[in-house]
Amino acid sequence: MSEELKSEVATVYREYNGGYFRTLISPGQSGGALALMEMVLPQGAEPPMHLHDHEDEAFYLLNGEMLFQIDGKEIHAKAGDAVFAPRKVPHLFKILSREVRFLTLISPGNFWEYFIEFSKPCTGEPVVTPPQGPPSTEFIAHLTKRMTLSYGITIF
């Protein structure tokens, strides 16, 4: 992705997985060291158990409640709580409230490109639309392949 496009992407809300996000700090702005995003997701938009080969993740909840499972331990988080998920450690989260708003910090920032690849710019005011059923098997196969081959994610 060109630096010009990365800069443009950082200024808009993007639709993602029934919710939306905006980039607060892109990898381009941090020399690749990190990415910081504000995300709003509906209940039902959670990832399966997975691990990152390359990135650490941190989450800071602004609104709502989430249950994290990190390396077999459960952490119940609410607004004002921060949670750390280190690289190479299996983790997932469940959204306990109707929706959540949180900051996510990814370090290094390369995994940010996954969010750009699997999102699109919002047209108008960003909205939350809970999933209306599971994604197609074709989409899941494509997503899993991209996550594994391009982003070093293992899904369990």
Protein backbone atom coordinates (compact mmCIF):
# COMPACT_ATOMS: atom_id res chain seq x y z
CA MET A 1 0.00 0.00 0.00
CA SER A 2 1.37 3.41 -0.95
CA GLU A 3 2.24 5.95 1.75
CA GLU A 4 -0.31 8.34 0.22
CA LEU A 5 -3.08 5.74 0.53
CA LYS A 6 -1.97 4.84 4.07
CA SER A 7 -2.22 8.52 5.03
CA GLU A 8 -5.68 8.82 3.43
CA VAL A 9 -6.90 5.64 5.16
CA ALA A 10 -5.92 7.06 8.54
CA THR A 11 -8.38 9.95 8.18
CA VAL A 12 -11.66 8.03 7.62
CA TYR A 13 -13.92 5.61 9.44
CA ARG A 14 -13.95 2.17 7.88
CA GLU A 15 -16.70 -0.46 8.01
CA TYR A 16 -15.44 -3.69 9.56
CA ASN A 17 -17.21 -6.85 10.70
CA GLY A 18 -20.56 -5.22 11.46
CA GLY A 19 -18.93 -2.22 13.14
CA TYR A 20 -16.32 0.32 12.22
CA PHE A 21 -12.92 1.68 13.14
CA ARG A 22 -10.65 4.60 12.55
CA THR A 23 -6.89 4.68 12.59
CA LEU A 24 -5.42 6.99 15.20
CA ILE A 25 -1.76 6.14 14.45
CA SER A 26 -0.84 4.18 11.33
CA PRO A 27 2.30 2.08 10.90
CA GLY A 28 3.43 4.71 8.40
CA GLN A 29 3.30 7.37 11.11
CA SER A 30 5.30 5.23 13.57
CA GLY A 31 7.97 3.81 11.27
CA GLY A 32 6.14 0.46 11.47
CA ALA A 33 6.50 0.27 15.26
CA LEU A 34 2.78 0.26 16.00
CA ALA A 35 -0.77 0.94 14.92
CA LEU A 36 -3.45 2.42 17.18
CA MET A 37 -7.12 2.13 16.24
CA GLU A 38 -10.43 3.05 17.81
CA MET A 39 -12.91 0.23 17.13
CA VAL A 40 -16.65 -0.17 17.64
CA LEU A 41 -17.93 -3.74 17.24
CA PRO A 42 -21.28 -5.44 17.84
CA GLN A 43 -21.79 -8.55 19.91
CA GLY A 44 -21.23 -11.53 17.60
CA ALA A 45 -18.28 -9.96 15.73
CA GLU A 46 -15.60 -11.73 17.76
CA PRO A 47 -12.58 -13.56 16.33
CA PRO A 48 -12.03 -17.25 17.10
CA MET A 49 -9.14 -18.40 19.29
CA HIS A 50 -5.96 -17.38 17.50
CA LEU A 51 -2.38 -16.30 17.99
CA HIS A 52 -0.12 -13.80 16.28
CA ASP A 53 3.40 -14.84 15.31
CA HIS A 54 4.61 -11.25 15.04
CA GLU A 55 2.43 -8.83 17.04
CA ASP A 56 1.53 -8.00 20.61
CA GLU A 57 -1.96 -6.54 21.09
CA ALA A 58 -3.31 -4.28 23.82
CA PHE A 59 -6.94 -3.30 24.32
CA TYR A 60 -8.37 -0.37 26.29
CA LEU A 61 -12.14 -0.45 26.73
CA LEU A 62 -13.95 2.87 26.35
CA ASN A 63 -17.54 1.52 26.52
CA GLY A 64 -19.08 -1.91 27.03
CA GLU A 65 -17.83 -5.19 28.43
CA MET A 66 -15.66 -7.96 27.02
CA LEU A 67 -14.41 -11.31 28.22
CA PHE A 68 -10.87 -12.12 27.12
CA GLN A 69 -9.29 -15.57 27.16
CA ILE A 70 -5.51 -15.27 27.03
CA ASP A 71 -3.31 -18.33 27.46
CA GLY A 72 -6.15 -20.17 29.22
CA LYS A 73 -6.96 -17.34 31.66
CA GLU A 74 -10.19 -15.33 31.61
CA ILE A 75 -10.23 -11.57 32.08
CA HIS A 76 -13.56 -9.75 32.42
CA ALA A 77 -12.97 -6.20 31.18
CA LYS A 78 -15.21 -3.14 31.34
CA ALA A 79 -14.82 0.54 30.46
CA GLY A 80 -11.52 1.84 31.82
CA ASP A 81 -9.78 -1.56 31.82
CA ALA A 82 -6.73 -2.44 29.73
CA VAL A 83 -5.79 -5.95 28.59
CA PHE A 84 -2.55 -7.21 27.01
CA ALA A 85 -2.35 -10.18 24.61
CA PRO A 86 1.31 -11.06 23.85
CA ARG A 87 2.44 -12.52 20.56
CA LYS A 88 2.61 -16.32 20.24
CA VAL A 89 -0.03 -16.72 22.99
CA PRO A 90 -3.51 -18.04 22.07
CA HIS A 91 -6.28 -15.54 22.77
CA LEU A 92 -9.80 -14.46 21.90
CA PHE A 93 -12.42 -12.07 23.16
CA LYS A 94 -16.18 -12.21 23.56
CA ILE A 95 -18.29 -9.06 23.49
CA LEU A 96 -20.65 -9.19 26.48
CA SER A 97 -22.56 -5.95 25.86
CA ARG A 98 -24.62 -5.10 22.77
CA GLU A 99 -21.55 -3.34 21.38
CA VAL A 100 -18.13 -2.22 22.56
CA ARG A 101 -15.88 0.71 21.82
CA PHE A 102 -12.19 0.21 22.50
CA LEU A 103 -8.71 1.23 21.51
CA THR A 104 -6.45 -1.48 20.15
CA LEU A 105 -2.70 -1.12 19.94
CA ILE A 106 -0.83 -3.48 17.63
CA SER A 107 2.96 -3.69 17.86
CA PRO A 108 4.64 -3.85 15.44
CA GLY A 109 1.97 -2.29 13.27
CA ASN A 110 1.97 -4.49 10.16
CA PHE A 111 -1.23 -6.36 11.12
CA TRP A 112 -3.06 -3.04 10.61
CA GLU A 113 -2.99 -3.87 6.91
CA TYR A 114 -5.31 -6.85 7.58
CA PHE A 115 -7.93 -4.42 8.91
CA ILE A 116 -7.53 -2.22 5.85
CA GLU A 117 -7.77 -5.21 3.49
CA PHE A 118 -10.96 -6.54 5.11
CA SER A 119 -12.76 -3.23 5.56
CA LYS A 120 -14.06 -0.42 3.38
CA PRO A 121 -14.50 3.32 3.87
CA CYS A 122 -17.77 4.30 5.53
CA THR A 123 -20.19 6.18 3.37
CA GLY A 124 -21.87 8.67 5.65
CA GLU A 125 -22.11 8.31 9.42
CA PRO A 126 -20.59 5.03 10.70
CA VAL A 127 -23.15 2.56 12.10
CA VAL A 128 -23.09 -0.75 13.92
CA THR A 129 -24.98 -3.62 12.29
CA PRO A 130 -24.80 -6.92 14.19
CA PRO A 131 -24.00 -9.98 12.04
CA GLN A 132 -27.04 -11.60 10.46
CA GLY A 133 -25.53 -15.08 10.47
CA PRO A 134 -22.16 -16.62 9.81
CA PRO A 135 -20.03 -15.60 6.81
CA SER A 136 -20.00 -17.88 3.78
CA THR A 137 -17.60 -20.83 3.75
CA GLU A 138 -15.82 -19.24 0.77
CA PHE A 139 -15.21 -16.03 2.70
CA ILE A 140 -13.99 -17.93 5.77
CA ALA A 141 -11.59 -19.96 3.59
CA HIS A 142 -10.25 -16.77 1.93
CA LEU A 143 -9.91 -14.95 5.27
CA THR A 144 -8.16 -17.89 6.92
CA LYS A 145 -5.73 -18.25 4.03
CA ARG A 146 -4.87 -14.52 4.04
CA MET A 147 -4.46 -14.42 7.81
CA THR A 148 -2.21 -17.46 7.82
CA LEU A 149 -0.06 -16.74 4.77
CA SER A 150 0.11 -12.94 4.81
CA TYR A 151 -0.23 -12.02 8.46
CA GLY A 152 1.21 -14.93 10.45
CA ILE A 153 -2.00 -15.68 12.35
CA THR A 154 -2.82 -19.20 13.52
CA ILE A 155 -6.52 -19.88 14.03
CA PHE A 156 -7.57 -22.71 16.33
